[in-house]
Amino acid sequence: MIGMRIGELAARAGASTRQVRFYEAKGLITSRRGANNYRDYSEATLGRVQQIRELLSAGLSTQVIAAILPCLESPRDPIVFEGVLPETTARLERERDRLTARIEVLTRNRDAVAAYLDELRRRSEQAERSG
């Protein structure tokens, strides 16, 4: 079965081919090589690239993403990782706390923008009624 070539994967995932090669070099995704030595990617890899991009956008490093990707493949299965180092757990806890703080800041900013928009609309409606 022929998968997607790197250009199609990148375009569909909203990434560049350079980013896709970077994710592969970091071990975040894999490809098969066809007889022509071109990379072929599965449809599942498309979802993985999109997921990686979302996690990177959230501020996670590729190291942290590599650590948590196995948890994201089958979240309903029991997750057992033998040999997880305490440093890895501590790093993930710091990332969780950092993301929580960022979510709180983003929520406050979203609420402030929403309040500003509400006030603009209210004043615009008042001006229309009195004008």
Protein backbone atom coordinates (compact mmCIF):
# COMPACT_ATOMS: atom_id res chain seq x y z
CA MET A 1 0.00 0.00 0.00
CA ILE A 2 1.38 3.38 -0.96
CA GLY A 3 1.25 6.00 1.76
CA MET A 4 1.60 9.72 1.54
CA ARG A 5 4.76 11.33 0.34
CA ILE A 6 6.37 13.91 2.58
CA GLY A 7 4.99 16.87 0.60
CA GLU A 8 1.41 15.65 0.85
CA LEU A 9 1.79 14.88 4.56
CA ALA A 10 3.27 18.30 5.24
CA ALA A 11 0.58 20.12 3.26
CA ARG A 12 -2.28 18.24 4.89
CA ALA A 13 -0.79 18.73 8.38
CA GLY A 14 -0.07 22.41 7.85
CA ALA A 15 3.65 21.83 8.28
CA SER A 16 6.71 22.20 6.10
CA THR A 17 8.62 19.23 4.75
CA ARG A 18 11.55 20.44 6.84
CA GLN A 19 9.43 20.18 10.00
CA VAL A 20 8.29 16.68 9.06
CA ARG A 21 11.90 15.58 8.56
CA PHE A 22 12.78 17.20 11.92
CA TYR A 23 9.99 15.28 13.70
CA GLU A 24 11.26 12.09 12.13
CA ALA A 25 14.87 12.84 13.11
CA LYS A 26 13.67 13.37 16.71
CA GLY A 27 11.92 9.98 16.64
CA LEU A 28 8.45 11.51 16.97
CA ILE A 29 7.21 9.93 13.72
CA THR A 30 8.39 7.19 11.42
CA SER A 31 8.14 6.47 7.73
CA ARG A 32 8.66 3.56 5.42
CA ARG A 33 10.92 3.82 2.42
CA GLY A 34 9.49 2.78 -0.91
CA ALA A 35 11.41 0.97 -3.64
CA ASN A 36 12.26 4.42 -5.02
CA ASN A 37 13.70 5.33 -1.56
CA TYR A 38 11.03 8.01 -1.05
CA ARG A 39 9.51 8.32 2.39
CA ASP A 40 5.96 7.00 2.68
CA TYR A 41 3.80 8.02 5.63
CA SER A 42 0.61 6.41 6.85
CA GLU A 43 -2.66 8.22 7.42
CA ALA A 44 -2.07 7.76 11.17
CA THR A 45 1.12 9.78 10.83
CA LEU A 46 -0.94 12.73 9.64
CA GLY A 47 -2.79 12.79 12.96
CA ARG A 48 0.46 12.38 14.83
CA VAL A 49 2.07 15.37 13.04
CA GLN A 50 -0.98 17.49 13.80
CA GLN A 51 -0.79 16.39 17.44
CA ILE A 52 2.93 17.21 17.61
CA ARG A 53 2.29 20.65 16.14
CA GLU A 54 -0.44 21.31 18.74
CA LEU A 55 1.85 20.25 21.57
CA LEU A 56 4.71 22.38 20.25
CA SER A 57 2.31 25.29 19.92
CA ALA A 58 1.33 24.78 23.55
CA GLY A 59 4.98 25.25 24.45
CA LEU A 60 6.13 21.68 25.04
CA SER A 61 9.62 20.73 23.96
CA THR A 62 10.29 17.84 21.60
CA GLN A 63 11.86 15.99 24.53
CA VAL A 64 8.68 16.24 26.57
CA ILE A 65 6.56 15.37 23.53
CA ALA A 66 8.67 12.26 22.93
CA ALA A 67 8.07 11.24 26.55
CA ILE A 68 4.28 11.64 26.41
CA LEU A 69 3.50 10.44 22.87
CA PRO A 70 3.17 6.81 23.96
CA CYS A 71 0.45 7.94 26.41
CA LEU A 72 -1.47 9.61 23.61
CA GLU A 73 -1.63 6.61 21.29
CA SER A 74 -4.12 4.60 23.30
CA PRO A 75 -5.30 6.62 26.29
CA ARG A 76 -7.81 3.98 27.33
CA ASP A 77 -5.18 1.30 27.78
CA PRO A 78 -3.40 1.07 31.09
CA ILE A 79 -0.19 3.04 30.84
CA VAL A 80 2.80 1.24 32.25
CA PHE A 81 6.30 2.55 31.65
CA GLU A 82 9.05 0.52 33.17
CA GLY A 83 12.20 2.42 33.98
CA VAL A 84 10.69 5.90 34.03
CA LEU A 85 13.21 8.09 35.78
CA PRO A 86 12.17 10.42 38.59
CA GLU A 87 13.64 13.27 36.54
CA THR A 88 11.18 12.51 33.75
CA THR A 89 8.26 12.58 36.14
CA ALA A 90 9.48 15.85 37.67
CA ARG A 91 9.94 17.39 34.21
CA LEU A 92 6.40 16.38 33.21
CA GLU A 93 5.02 17.82 36.45
CA ARG A 94 6.80 21.12 35.74
CA GLU A 95 5.39 21.13 32.20
CA ARG A 96 1.89 20.46 33.51
CA ASP A 97 2.21 23.29 36.03
CA ARG A 98 3.61 25.65 33.37
CA LEU A 99 0.73 24.80 31.02
CA THR A 100 -1.80 25.32 33.81
CA ALA A 101 -0.35 28.77 34.50
CA ARG A 102 -0.38 29.59 30.79
CA ILE A 103 -4.01 28.47 30.49
CA GLU A 104 -4.92 30.76 33.40
CA VAL A 105 -3.21 33.73 31.72
CA LEU A 106 -4.84 32.95 28.38
CA THR A 107 -8.23 32.61 30.04
CA ARG A 108 -7.85 36.01 31.75
CA ASN A 109 -6.78 37.59 28.45
CA ARG A 110 -9.66 35.98 26.56
CA ASP A 111 -12.11 37.21 29.19
CA ALA A 112 -10.66 40.74 29.03
CA VAL A 113 -10.97 40.80 25.23
CA ALA A 114 -14.53 39.47 25.46
CA ALA A 115 -15.45 42.16 28.01
CA TYR A 116 -13.93 44.84 25.79
CA LEU A 117 -15.88 43.56 22.77
CA ASP A 118 -19.08 43.48 24.82
CA GLU A 119 -18.52 47.09 25.88
CA LEU A 120 -17.78 48.15 22.28
CA ARG A 121 -21.01 46.51 21.10
CA ARG A 122 -23.01 48.06 23.93
CA ARG A 123 -21.69 51.54 23.17
CA SER A 124 -22.22 51.05 19.43
CA GLU A 125 -25.84 50.03 20.05
CA GLN A 126 -26.35 53.04 22.34
CA ALA A 127 -24.91 55.37 19.68
CA GLU A 128 -27.21 53.88 17.03
CA ARG A 129 -30.28 54.34 19.25
CA SER A 130 -29.44 57.92 20.15
CA GLY A 131 -28.15 58.93 16.75
